[in-house]
């Protein structure tokens, strides 16, 4: 077993999942302001300390994706975030892309940037204690979208990122997110997700990425938020699993779903329903962000008297998702 394969398997094993706490400074600041908390670097640090120090978190969470800012910060006890996570048995990850920007000549579509200097950054992140990384590509469904060039540009960049991570000894989470925003049907989401995943593995093969040393982080196959279509939990689970069977090689150790803006309990229900289907060649787990940390932020609201309530809200979501596995 290679070192990359060992890390990847650890990330998706033992009923645990991956917590995405990698919001950019702008996104995290906006979320703090929304609950009445001043968006300072210190408040962002305190909130992330609340997350990682939640009691028994390692029983449900295998790894936490951090932002660059957090990776360089320290907890109140003086330990860096990666040092503390290692002590409690959780892997430290790092978001390495620099965000999605308008694609040239296609203002309604995005291209994720961040390849410049990535080799050097991966080396530094590994030195600081990161064992895995994340890069998110976003694909929009709409009239005449996604275009072939948007799909190709994003997946080519995703594959180059994966290759650079593996070269530096870090496991890449490969995240091609087909957004649920829009009026598209579940069938249309399935069609686009299938095309995106097929193209993704062609690009990964081209870049000679070691498939047993990655974790795939896709969207679930759901209807668009504005479609008016309300598929059942069973329909979403079936469509998602059938799409994965048709596109994902069995050598991939695990699939960690993103929540993509789904209600926390609904995302958990979908994950649980998939576990009851026929045996699959990969582990199915979760890598939720908003669906996990949103309730904690709402409960805490920057008040130290609500510290325990915030951690309780996170723990409940983490335990529920582990139980769904």
C-alpha atoms as a PDB file:
ATOM      1  CA  UNK A   1       0.000   0.000   0.000  1.00  0.00           C
ATOM      2  CA  UNK A   2       1.457   3.363  -1.012  1.00  0.00           C
ATOM      3  CA  UNK A   3       1.576   6.293   1.423  1.00  0.00           C
ATOM      4  CA  UNK A   4      -1.015   8.146  -0.703  1.00  0.00           C
ATOM      5  CA  UNK A   5      -3.345   5.153  -0.738  1.00  0.00           C
ATOM      6  CA  UNK A   6      -3.020   4.747   3.027  1.00  0.00           C
ATOM      7  CA  UNK A   7      -4.002   8.379   3.640  1.00  0.00           C
ATOM      8  CA  UNK A   8      -6.873   8.221   1.160  1.00  0.00           C
ATOM      9  CA  UNK A   9      -8.262   5.083   2.787  1.00  0.00           C
ATOM     10  CA  UNK A  10      -7.972   6.657   6.228  1.00  0.00           C
ATOM     11  CA  UNK A  11      -9.971   9.645   5.002  1.00  0.00           C
ATOM     12  CA  UNK A  12     -12.979   7.503   4.052  1.00  0.00           C
ATOM     13  CA  UNK A  13     -12.819   4.620   6.552  1.00  0.00           C
ATOM     14  CA  UNK A  14     -14.423   3.687   9.881  1.00  0.00           C
ATOM     15  CA  UNK A  15     -17.755   5.429   9.202  1.00  0.00           C
ATOM     16  CA  UNK A  16     -16.053   8.801   9.416  1.00  0.00           C
ATOM     17  CA  UNK A  17     -16.258  11.742   7.031  1.00  0.00           C
ATOM     18  CA  UNK A  18     -14.382  14.901   6.095  1.00  0.00           C
ATOM     19  CA  UNK A  19     -15.307  18.309   7.487  1.00  0.00           C
ATOM     20  CA  UNK A  20     -14.928  21.268   5.134  1.00  0.00           C
ATOM     21  CA  UNK A  21     -13.938  24.293   7.233  1.00  0.00           C
ATOM     22  CA  UNK A  22     -12.038  25.985   4.414  1.00  0.00           C
ATOM     23  CA  UNK A  23     -14.165  29.047   3.673  1.00  0.00           C
ATOM     24  CA  UNK A  24     -12.201  31.938   2.211  1.00  0.00           C
ATOM     25  CA  UNK A  25     -11.635  35.020   4.362  1.00  0.00           C
ATOM     26  CA  UNK A  26     -14.375  36.845   2.449  1.00  0.00           C
ATOM     27  CA  UNK A  27     -16.901  34.011   2.777  1.00  0.00           C
ATOM     28  CA  UNK A  28     -16.171  33.347   6.442  1.00  0.00           C
ATOM     29  CA  UNK A  29     -16.321  37.061   7.240  1.00  0.00           C
ATOM     30  CA  UNK A  30     -19.709  37.361   5.552  1.00  0.00           C
ATOM     31  CA  UNK A  31     -21.052  34.414   7.543  1.00  0.00           C
ATOM     32  CA  UNK A  32     -19.773  35.907  10.798  1.00  0.00           C
ATOM     33  CA  UNK A  33     -21.377  39.251  10.011  1.00  0.00           C
ATOM     34  CA  UNK A  34     -24.666  37.502   9.273  1.00  0.00           C
ATOM     35  CA  UNK A  35     -24.826  36.240  12.871  1.00  0.00           C
ATOM     36  CA  UNK A  36     -23.635  39.530  14.363  1.00  0.00           C
ATOM     37  CA  UNK A  37     -19.941  38.715  14.839  1.00  0.00           C
ATOM     38  CA  UNK A  38     -17.225  41.186  13.830  1.00  0.00           C
ATOM     39  CA  UNK A  39     -15.302  39.629  10.893  1.00  0.00           C
ATOM     40  CA  UNK A  40     -11.769  39.842  12.299  1.00  0.00           C
ATOM     41  CA  UNK A  41      -8.918  37.369  11.892  1.00  0.00           C
ATOM     42  CA  UNK A  42      -9.172  36.609  15.609  1.00  0.00           C
ATOM     43  CA  UNK A  43     -12.889  35.851  15.450  1.00  0.00           C
ATOM     44  CA  UNK A  44     -12.322  33.595  12.457  1.00  0.00           C
ATOM     45  CA  UNK A  45      -9.615  31.803  14.455  1.00  0.00           C
ATOM     46  CA  UNK A  46     -11.830  31.466  17.532  1.00  0.00           C
ATOM     47  CA  UNK A  47     -14.692  30.042  15.480  1.00  0.00           C
ATOM     48  CA  UNK A  48     -12.417  27.459  13.883  1.00  0.00           C
ATOM     49  CA  UNK A  49     -11.022  26.587  17.328  1.00  0.00           C
ATOM     50  CA  UNK A  50     -14.608  25.930  18.440  1.00  0.00           C
ATOM     51  CA  UNK A  51     -14.945  23.533  15.505  1.00  0.00           C
ATOM     52  CA  UNK A  52     -11.753  21.513  15.953  1.00  0.00           C
ATOM     53  CA  UNK A  53     -11.972  21.241  19.753  1.00  0.00           C
ATOM     54  CA  UNK A  54     -15.489  19.775  19.718  1.00  0.00           C
ATOM     55  CA  UNK A  55     -15.412  16.760  22.084  1.00  0.00           C
ATOM     56  CA  UNK A  56     -15.203  13.296  20.470  1.00  0.00           C
ATOM     57  CA  UNK A  57     -15.003  14.853  16.993  1.00  0.00           C
ATOM     58  CA  UNK A  58     -12.451  12.252  15.873  1.00  0.00           C
ATOM     59  CA  UNK A  59     -15.076   9.526  16.280  1.00  0.00           C
ATOM     60  CA  UNK A  60     -17.024  10.956  13.330  1.00  0.00           C
ATOM     61  CA  UNK A  61     -14.477  13.042  11.402  1.00  0.00           C
ATOM     62  CA  UNK A  62     -11.347  11.683   9.715  1.00  0.00           C
ATOM     63  CA  UNK A  63     -10.026  14.939   8.329  1.00  0.00           C
ATOM     64  CA  UNK A  64     -10.696  18.687   8.350  1.00  0.00           C
ATOM     65  CA  UNK A  65     -10.060  20.919   5.330  1.00  0.00           C
ATOM     66  CA  UNK A  66      -8.574  24.221   6.485  1.00  0.00           C
ATOM     67  CA  UNK A  67      -8.091  27.560   4.795  1.00  0.00           C
ATOM     68  CA  UNK A  68      -4.579  28.964   4.319  1.00  0.00           C
ATOM     69  CA  UNK A  69      -5.203  31.512   7.093  1.00  0.00           C
ATOM     70  CA  UNK A  70      -6.197  28.814   9.585  1.00  0.00           C
ATOM     71  CA  UNK A  71      -3.269  26.557   8.723  1.00  0.00           C
ATOM     72  CA  UNK A  72      -0.917  29.325   9.883  1.00  0.00           C
ATOM     73  CA  UNK A  73      -2.859  30.196  13.057  1.00  0.00           C
ATOM     74  CA  UNK A  74      -2.589  28.710  16.532  1.00  0.00           C
ATOM     75  CA  UNK A  75      -5.120  27.559  19.088  1.00  0.00           C
ATOM     76  CA  UNK A  76      -5.352  29.163  22.512  1.00  0.00           C
ATOM     77  CA  UNK A  77      -3.056  26.430  23.853  1.00  0.00           C
ATOM     78  CA  UNK A  78      -0.295  27.506  21.459  1.00  0.00           C
ATOM     79  CA  UNK A  79      -0.505  24.484  19.154  1.00  0.00           C
ATOM     80  CA  UNK A  80      -0.934  24.991  15.436  1.00  0.00           C
ATOM     81  CA  UNK A  81      -4.164  23.619  13.990  1.00  0.00           C
ATOM     82  CA  UNK A  82      -2.375  20.711  12.216  1.00  0.00           C
ATOM     83  CA  UNK A  83      -0.452  19.844  15.393  1.00  0.00           C
ATOM     84  CA  UNK A  84      -3.630  19.738  17.439  1.00  0.00           C
ATOM     85  CA  UNK A  85      -5.527  17.705  14.846  1.00  0.00           C
ATOM     86  CA  UNK A  86      -2.722  15.147  14.673  1.00  0.00           C
ATOM     87  CA  UNK A  87      -2.831  14.788  18.450  1.00  0.00           C
ATOM     88  CA  UNK A  88      -6.543  13.904  18.412  1.00  0.00           C
ATOM     89  CA  UNK A  89      -6.338  11.585  15.398  1.00  0.00           C
ATOM     90  CA  UNK A  90      -7.719  13.825  12.645  1.00  0.00           C
ATOM     91  CA  UNK A  91      -5.905  14.540   9.381  1.00  0.00           C
ATOM     92  CA  UNK A  92      -5.281  18.168   8.409  1.00  0.00           C
ATOM     93  CA  UNK A  93      -6.168  19.244   4.880  1.00  0.00           C
ATOM     94  CA  UNK A  94      -5.778  22.482   2.966  1.00  0.00           C
ATOM     95  CA  UNK A  95      -7.757  24.264   0.274  1.00  0.00           C
ATOM     96  CA  UNK A  96      -5.267  25.183  -2.454  1.00  0.00           C
ATOM     97  CA  UNK A  97      -7.344  26.780  -5.219  1.00  0.00           C
ATOM     98  CA  UNK A  98      -7.755  30.551  -5.282  1.00  0.00           C
ATOM     99  CA  UNK A  99     -11.400  30.609  -6.270  1.00  0.00           C
ATOM    100  CA  UNK A 100     -13.609  30.490  -9.335  1.00  0.00           C
ATOM    101  CA  UNK A 101     -13.357  33.431 -11.718  1.00  0.00           C
ATOM    102  CA  UNK A 102     -15.291  34.274 -14.922  1.00  0.00           C
ATOM    103  CA  UNK A 103     -14.145  32.135 -17.847  1.00  0.00           C
ATOM    104  CA  UNK A 104     -12.768  34.280 -20.678  1.00  0.00           C
ATOM    105  CA  UNK A 105     -15.421  34.788 -23.325  1.00  0.00           C
ATOM    106  CA  UNK A 106     -18.065  33.051 -21.198  1.00  0.00           C
ATOM    107  CA  UNK A 107     -19.083  35.409 -18.352  1.00  0.00           C
ATOM    108  CA  UNK A 108     -21.823  33.052 -17.084  1.00  0.00           C
ATOM    109  CA  UNK A 109     -19.336  30.219 -16.515  1.00  0.00           C
ATOM    110  CA  UNK A 110     -16.403  29.938 -14.128  1.00  0.00           C
ATOM    111  CA  UNK A 111     -12.847  28.626 -14.172  1.00  0.00           C
ATOM    112  CA  UNK A 112     -11.065  27.774 -10.930  1.00  0.00           C
ATOM    113  CA  UNK A 113      -7.629  29.349 -10.605  1.00  0.00           C
ATOM    114  CA  UNK A 114      -4.608  28.643  -8.425  1.00  0.00           C
ATOM    115  CA  UNK A 115      -2.132  26.550 -10.419  1.00  0.00           C
ATOM    116  CA  UNK A 116       0.553  29.259 -10.437  1.00  0.00           C
ATOM    117  CA  UNK A 117       3.104  28.432  -7.753  1.00  0.00           C
ATOM    118  CA  UNK A 118       1.132  25.396  -6.600  1.00  0.00           C
ATOM    119  CA  UNK A 119       4.146  23.044  -6.544  1.00  0.00           C
ATOM    120  CA  UNK A 120       5.918  25.319  -4.068  1.00  0.00           C
ATOM    121  CA  UNK A 121       2.774  25.829  -1.984  1.00  0.00           C
ATOM    122  CA  UNK A 122       2.178  22.074  -1.751  1.00  0.00           C
ATOM    123  CA  UNK A 123       5.718  21.641  -0.440  1.00  0.00           C
ATOM    124  CA  UNK A 124       5.110  24.325   2.197  1.00  0.00           C
ATOM    125  CA  UNK A 125       1.698  22.957   3.193  1.00  0.00           C
ATOM    126  CA  UNK A 126       3.162  19.487   3.654  1.00  0.00           C
ATOM    127  CA  UNK A 127       5.881  20.997   5.850  1.00  0.00           C
ATOM    128  CA  UNK A 128       3.186  22.641   7.978  1.00  0.00           C
ATOM    129  CA  UNK A 129       1.416  19.322   8.490  1.00  0.00           C
ATOM    130  CA  UNK A 130      -1.188  19.057   5.738  1.00  0.00           C
ATOM    131  CA  UNK A 131      -1.683  15.510   4.444  1.00  0.00           C
ATOM    132  CA  UNK A 132      -4.384  16.186   1.862  1.00  0.00           C
ATOM    133  CA  UNK A 133      -5.677  19.068  -0.232  1.00  0.00           C
ATOM    134  CA  UNK A 134      -8.828  20.261  -1.965  1.00  0.00           C
ATOM    135  CA  UNK A 135      -9.544  21.994  -5.270  1.00  0.00           C
ATOM    136  CA  UNK A 136     -13.143  22.814  -6.244  1.00  0.00           C
ATOM    137  CA  UNK A 137     -14.282  23.183  -9.835  1.00  0.00           C
ATOM    138  CA  UNK A 138     -17.796  24.541 -10.381  1.00  0.00           C
ATOM    139  CA  UNK A 139     -20.000  23.574 -13.314  1.00  0.00           C
ATOM    140  CA  UNK A 140     -23.212  25.502 -13.967  1.00  0.00           C
ATOM    141  CA  UNK A 141     -26.285  24.043 -15.648  1.00  0.00           C
ATOM    142  CA  UNK A 142     -28.326  26.478 -17.715  1.00  0.00           C
ATOM    143  CA  UNK A 143     -29.309  27.410 -21.249  1.00  0.00           C
ATOM    144  CA  UNK A 144     -26.471  26.098 -23.437  1.00  0.00           C
ATOM    145  CA  UNK A 145     -24.461  25.353 -20.290  1.00  0.00           C
ATOM    146  CA  UNK A 146     -22.171  23.833 -19.413  1.00  0.00           C
ATOM    147  CA  UNK A 147     -20.145  24.501 -22.520  1.00  0.00           C
ATOM    148  CA  UNK A 148     -17.531  21.986 -23.640  1.00  0.00           C
ATOM    149  CA  UNK A 149     -14.762  24.506 -23.065  1.00  0.00           C
ATOM    150  CA  UNK A 150     -15.884  25.224 -19.480  1.00  0.00           C
ATOM    151  CA  UNK A 151     -15.946  21.515 -18.668  1.00  0.00           C
ATOM    152  CA  UNK A 152     -12.587  20.850 -20.337  1.00  0.00           C
ATOM    153  CA  UNK A 153     -10.846  23.885 -18.809  1.00  0.00           C
ATOM    154  CA  UNK A 154     -12.009  23.075 -15.283  1.00  0.00           C
ATOM    155  CA  UNK A 155     -11.270  19.360 -15.383  1.00  0.00           C
ATOM    156  CA  UNK A 156      -7.877  19.839 -17.005  1.00  0.00           C
ATOM    157  CA  UNK A 157      -6.948  22.219 -14.168  1.00  0.00           C
ATOM    158  CA  UNK A 158      -8.339  19.761 -11.609  1.00  0.00           C
ATOM    159  CA  UNK A 159      -6.184  16.966 -13.026  1.00  0.00           C
ATOM    160  CA  UNK A 160      -3.051  19.143 -13.063  1.00  0.00           C
ATOM    161  CA  UNK A 161      -3.701  20.062  -9.424  1.00  0.00           C
ATOM    162  CA  UNK A 162      -4.096  16.378  -8.514  1.00  0.00           C
ATOM    163  CA  UNK A 163      -0.809  15.500 -10.169  1.00  0.00           C
ATOM    164  CA  UNK A 164       1.065  18.271  -8.360  1.00  0.00           C
ATOM    165  CA  UNK A 165      -0.392  17.207  -5.006  1.00  0.00           C
ATOM    166  CA  UNK A 166       0.628  13.585  -5.462  1.00  0.00           C
ATOM    167  CA  UNK A 167       4.084  14.658  -6.581  1.00  0.00           C
ATOM    168  CA  UNK A 168       4.381  16.525  -3.258  1.00  0.00           C
ATOM    169  CA  UNK A 169       3.113  13.593  -1.179  1.00  0.00           C
ATOM    170  CA  UNK A 170      -0.349  15.034  -0.502  1.00  0.00           C
ATOM    171  CA  UNK A 171      -3.639  13.277  -1.319  1.00  0.00           C
ATOM    172  CA  UNK A 172      -5.848  15.385  -3.593  1.00  0.00           C
ATOM    173  CA  UNK A 173      -9.562  15.654  -2.987  1.00  0.00           C
ATOM    174  CA  UNK A 174     -10.879  16.001  -6.533  1.00  0.00           C
ATOM    175  CA  UNK A 175     -14.051  18.101  -6.436  1.00  0.00           C
ATOM    176  CA  UNK A 176     -16.038  18.650  -9.646  1.00  0.00           C
ATOM    177  CA  UNK A 177     -19.245  20.273  -8.387  1.00  0.00           C
ATOM    178  CA  UNK A 178     -22.234  20.455 -10.677  1.00  0.00           C
ATOM    179  CA  UNK A 179     -24.171  23.220  -8.962  1.00  0.00           C
ATOM    180  CA  UNK A 180     -27.748  22.648  -7.835  1.00  0.00           C
ATOM    181  CA  UNK A 181     -28.614  26.291  -8.558  1.00  0.00           C
ATOM    182  CA  UNK A 182     -31.039  26.561 -11.459  1.00  0.00           C
ATOM    183  CA  UNK A 183     -34.274  25.198 -12.871  1.00  0.00           C
ATOM    184  CA  UNK A 184     -32.906  21.928 -14.256  1.00  0.00           C
ATOM    185  CA  UNK A 185     -34.478  18.534 -13.599  1.00  0.00           C
ATOM    186  CA  UNK A 186     -32.911  15.609 -11.787  1.00  0.00           C
ATOM    187  CA  UNK A 187     -32.519  13.894 -15.176  1.00  0.00           C
ATOM    188  CA  UNK A 188     -30.589  16.884 -16.526  1.00  0.00           C
ATOM    189  CA  UNK A 189     -28.337  16.935 -13.452  1.00  0.00           C
ATOM    190  CA  UNK A 190     -27.650  13.245 -13.966  1.00  0.00           C
ATOM    191  CA  UNK A 191     -26.789  13.804 -17.640  1.00  0.00           C
ATOM    192  CA  UNK A 192     -24.367  16.632 -16.863  1.00  0.00           C
ATOM    193  CA  UNK A 193     -22.814  14.889 -13.843  1.00  0.00           C
ATOM    194  CA  UNK A 194     -22.198  11.782 -15.946  1.00  0.00           C
ATOM    195  CA  UNK A 195     -20.504  13.810 -18.695  1.00  0.00           C
ATOM    196  CA  UNK A 196     -18.392  15.714 -16.168  1.00  0.00           C
ATOM    197  CA  UNK A 197     -17.192  12.579 -14.366  1.00  0.00           C
ATOM    198  CA  UNK A 198     -16.390  10.800 -17.632  1.00  0.00           C
ATOM    199  CA  UNK A 199     -14.312  13.793 -18.748  1.00  0.00           C
ATOM    200  CA  UNK A 200     -12.665  14.056 -15.330  1.00  0.00           C
ATOM    201  CA  UNK A 201     -11.254  10.534 -15.380  1.00  0.00           C
ATOM    202  CA  UNK A 202     -10.004  11.026 -18.927  1.00  0.00           C
ATOM    203  CA  UNK A 203      -8.054  14.076 -17.720  1.00  0.00           C
ATOM    204  CA  UNK A 204      -6.766  12.269 -14.627  1.00  0.00           C
ATOM    205  CA  UNK A 205      -5.541   9.438 -16.833  1.00  0.00           C
ATOM    206  CA  UNK A 206      -3.843  11.909 -19.159  1.00  0.00           C
ATOM    207  CA  UNK A 207      -1.980  13.413 -16.186  1.00  0.00           C
ATOM    208  CA  UNK A 208      -1.117   9.903 -14.880  1.00  0.00           C
ATOM    209  CA  UNK A 209      -2.779  10.577 -11.539  1.00  0.00           C
ATOM    210  CA  UNK A 210      -2.708   7.585  -9.181  1.00  0.00           C
ATOM    211  CA  UNK A 211      -6.424   6.841  -8.743  1.00  0.00           C
ATOM    212  CA  UNK A 212      -5.975   4.830  -5.553  1.00  0.00           C
ATOM    213  CA  UNK A 213      -4.413   7.939  -4.023  1.00  0.00           C
ATOM    214  CA  UNK A 214      -7.316  10.362  -4.493  1.00  0.00           C
ATOM    215  CA  UNK A 215     -10.691  10.985  -2.883  1.00  0.00           C
ATOM    216  CA  UNK A 216     -13.507  12.013  -5.207  1.00  0.00           C
ATOM    217  CA  UNK A 217     -15.820  14.768  -3.915  1.00  0.00           C
ATOM    218  CA  UNK A 218     -18.792  15.041  -6.283  1.00  0.00           C
ATOM    219  CA  UNK A 219     -22.258  16.488  -6.025  1.00  0.00           C
ATOM    220  CA  UNK A 220     -25.252  14.280  -5.456  1.00  0.00           C
ATOM    221  CA  UNK A 221     -27.643  14.005  -8.394  1.00  0.00           C
ATOM    222  CA  UNK A 222     -30.476  16.330  -7.402  1.00  0.00           C
ATOM    223  CA  UNK A 223     -33.016  18.566  -9.112  1.00  0.00           C
ATOM    224  CA  UNK A 224     -32.255  22.281  -9.440  1.00  0.00           C
ATOM    225  CA  UNK A 225     -33.370  24.512  -6.599  1.00  0.00           C
ATOM    226  CA  UNK A 226     -35.734  26.430  -8.891  1.00  0.00           C
ATOM    227  CA  UNK A 227     -37.092  23.452 -10.813  1.00  0.00           C
ATOM    228  CA  UNK A 228     -40.166  22.811  -8.715  1.00  0.00           C
ATOM    229  CA  UNK A 229     -39.258  19.117  -8.925  1.00  0.00           C
ATOM    230  CA  UNK A 230     -39.013  17.331  -5.587  1.00  0.00           C
ATOM    231  CA  UNK A 231     -37.462  13.884  -6.038  1.00  0.00           C
ATOM    232  CA  UNK A 232     -37.756  11.460  -3.144  1.00  0.00           C
ATOM    233  CA  UNK A 233     -34.749  10.502  -1.054  1.00  0.00           C
ATOM    234  CA  UNK A 234     -34.761   7.091  -2.719  1.00  0.00           C
ATOM    235  CA  UNK A 235     -34.807   8.636  -6.211  1.00  0.00           C
ATOM    236  CA  UNK A 236     -31.819  10.870  -5.446  1.00  0.00           C
ATOM    237  CA  UNK A 237     -29.883   7.971  -3.924  1.00  0.00           C
ATOM    238  CA  UNK A 238     -30.597   5.680  -6.870  1.00  0.00           C
ATOM    239  CA  UNK A 239     -29.745   8.273  -9.520  1.00  0.00           C
ATOM    240  CA  UNK A 240     -26.528   9.228  -7.751  1.00  0.00           C
ATOM    241  CA  UNK A 241     -25.283   5.677  -7.272  1.00  0.00           C
ATOM    242  CA  UNK A 242     -26.149   4.668 -10.840  1.00  0.00           C
ATOM    243  CA  UNK A 243     -24.231   7.702 -12.141  1.00  0.00           C
ATOM    244  CA  UNK A 244     -21.183   6.768 -10.068  1.00  0.00           C
ATOM    245  CA  UNK A 245     -21.313   3.132 -11.155  1.00  0.00           C
ATOM    246  CA  UNK A 246     -21.201   4.260 -14.765  1.00  0.00           C
ATOM    247  CA  UNK A 247     -18.270   6.644 -14.384  1.00  0.00           C
ATOM    248  CA  UNK A 248     -15.999   6.036 -11.366  1.00  0.00           C
ATOM    249  CA  UNK A 249     -13.266   3.364 -11.580  1.00  0.00           C
ATOM    250  CA  UNK A 250     -13.239   0.836  -8.709  1.00  0.00           C
ATOM    251  CA  UNK A 251      -9.627   1.728  -7.878  1.00  0.00           C
ATOM    252  CA  UNK A 252     -10.780   5.024  -6.304  1.00  0.00           C
ATOM    253  CA  UNK A 253     -10.782   4.372  -2.515  1.00  0.00           C
ATOM    254  CA  UNK A 254     -13.732   6.546  -1.633  1.00  0.00           C
ATOM    255  CA  UNK A 255     -16.321   9.113  -2.585  1.00  0.00           C
ATOM    256  CA  UNK A 256     -16.987  11.932  -0.133  1.00  0.00           C
ATOM    257  CA  UNK A 257     -20.091  13.836  -1.154  1.00  0.00           C
ATOM    258  CA  UNK A 258     -20.392  17.585  -0.874  1.00  0.00           C
ATOM    259  CA  UNK A 259     -23.683  18.900   0.486  1.00  0.00           C
ATOM    260  CA  UNK A 260     -23.945  21.615  -2.165  1.00  0.00           C
ATOM    261  CA  UNK A 261     -26.398  23.772  -0.255  1.00  0.00           C
ATOM    262  CA  UNK A 262     -28.824  20.974   0.619  1.00  0.00           C
ATOM    263  CA  UNK A 263     -30.580  21.206   3.974  1.00  0.00           C
ATOM    264  CA  UNK A 264     -28.333  19.436   6.524  1.00  0.00           C
ATOM    265  CA  UNK A 265     -30.854  16.733   7.389  1.00  0.00           C
ATOM    266  CA  UNK A 266     -31.770  16.104   3.744  1.00  0.00           C
ATOM    267  CA  UNK A 267     -28.113  15.653   2.761  1.00  0.00           C
ATOM    268  CA  UNK A 268     -27.745  13.130   5.586  1.00  0.00           C
ATOM    269  CA  UNK A 269     -30.879  11.262   4.482  1.00  0.00           C
ATOM    270  CA  UNK A 270     -29.569  11.016   0.929  1.00  0.00           C
ATOM    271  CA  UNK A 271     -26.248   9.648   2.169  1.00  0.00           C
ATOM    272  CA  UNK A 272     -27.981   7.091   4.356  1.00  0.00           C
ATOM    273  CA  UNK A 273     -30.219   5.885   1.520  1.00  0.00           C
ATOM    274  CA  UNK A 274     -27.203   5.200  -0.687  1.00  0.00           C
ATOM    275  CA  UNK A 275     -25.697   2.886   1.921  1.00  0.00           C
ATOM    276  CA  UNK A 276     -28.677   0.562   1.594  1.00  0.00           C
ATOM    277  CA  UNK A 277     -28.148  -0.085  -2.113  1.00  0.00           C
ATOM    278  CA  UNK A 278     -26.184  -2.965  -3.622  1.00  0.00           C
ATOM    279  CA  UNK A 279     -22.523  -3.325  -2.517  1.00  0.00           C
ATOM    280  CA  UNK A 280     -20.278  -0.704  -4.109  1.00  0.00           C
ATOM    281  CA  UNK A 281     -16.556  -0.842  -4.954  1.00  0.00           C
ATOM    282  CA  UNK A 282     -15.772   2.356  -3.035  1.00  0.00           C
ATOM    283  CA  UNK A 283     -16.525   3.767   0.405  1.00  0.00           C
ATOM    284  CA  UNK A 284     -19.327   6.364   0.366  1.00  0.00           C
ATOM    285  CA  UNK A 285     -18.955   9.109   2.935  1.00  0.00           C
ATOM    286  CA  UNK A 286     -19.440  12.848   3.339  1.00  0.00           C
ATOM    287  CA  UNK A 287     -17.388  15.999   3.081  1.00  0.00           C
ATOM    288  CA  UNK A 288     -19.951  18.539   4.194  1.00  0.00           C
ATOM    289  CA  UNK A 289     -19.308  22.197   4.930  1.00  0.00           C
ATOM    290  CA  UNK A 290     -22.387  24.338   5.452  1.00  0.00           C
ATOM    291  CA  UNK A 291     -24.454  21.278   6.358  1.00  0.00           C
ATOM    292  CA  UNK A 292     -22.067  20.580   9.247  1.00  0.00           C
ATOM    293  CA  UNK A 293     -20.755  23.902  10.518  1.00  0.00           C
ATOM    294  CA  UNK A 294     -23.785  26.084   9.753  1.00  0.00           C
ATOM    295  CA  UNK A 295     -25.771  24.903  12.797  1.00  0.00           C
ATOM    296  CA  UNK A 296     -22.705  25.412  15.013  1.00  0.00           C
ATOM    297  CA  UNK A 297     -22.269  29.002  13.849  1.00  0.00           C
ATOM    298  CA  UNK A 298     -25.952  29.751  14.395  1.00  0.00           C
ATOM    299  CA  UNK A 299     -25.781  28.357  17.931  1.00  0.00           C
ATOM    300  CA  UNK A 300     -22.515  30.131  18.880  1.00  0.00           C
ATOM    301  CA  UNK A 301     -23.026  33.609  17.400  1.00  0.00           C
ATOM    302  CA  UNK A 302     -19.756  34.843  18.894  1.00  0.00           C
ATOM    303  CA  UNK A 303     -20.931  34.478  22.502  1.00  0.00           C
ATOM    304  CA  UNK A 304     -18.539  32.538  24.733  1.00  0.00           C
ATOM    305  CA  UNK A 305     -21.544  31.476  26.803  1.00  0.00           C
ATOM    306  CA  UNK A 306     -22.777  29.608  23.707  1.00  0.00           C
ATOM    307  CA  UNK A 307     -19.487  27.745  23.160  1.00  0.00           C
ATOM    308  CA  UNK A 308     -20.865  24.424  24.379  1.00  0.00           C
ATOM    309  CA  UNK A 309     -24.082  24.901  22.388  1.00  0.00           C
ATOM    310  CA  UNK A 310     -22.104  25.509  19.206  1.00  0.00           C
ATOM    311  CA  UNK A 311     -20.014  22.394  19.727  1.00  0.00           C
ATOM    312  CA  UNK A 312     -23.126  20.369  20.565  1.00  0.00           C
ATOM    313  CA  UNK A 313     -24.745  21.453  17.274  1.00  0.00           C
ATOM    314  CA  UNK A 314     -21.676  20.365  15.307  1.00  0.00           C
ATOM    315  CA  UNK A 315     -21.370  17.094  17.212  1.00  0.00           C
ATOM    316  CA  UNK A 316     -25.002  16.214  16.513  1.00  0.00           C
ATOM    317  CA  UNK A 317     -24.546  16.712  12.755  1.00  0.00           C
ATOM    318  CA  UNK A 318     -21.255  14.772  12.744  1.00  0.00           C
ATOM    319  CA  UNK A 319     -22.745  11.853  14.674  1.00  0.00           C
ATOM    320  CA  UNK A 320     -25.844  11.804  12.453  1.00  0.00           C
ATOM    321  CA  UNK A 321     -23.741  11.633   9.305  1.00  0.00           C
ATOM    322  CA  UNK A 322     -21.513   8.898  10.709  1.00  0.00           C
ATOM    323  CA  UNK A 323     -24.638   6.955  11.643  1.00  0.00           C
ATOM    324  CA  UNK A 324     -25.923   7.363   8.072  1.00  0.00           C
ATOM    325  CA  UNK A 325     -22.863   5.474   6.848  1.00  0.00           C
END
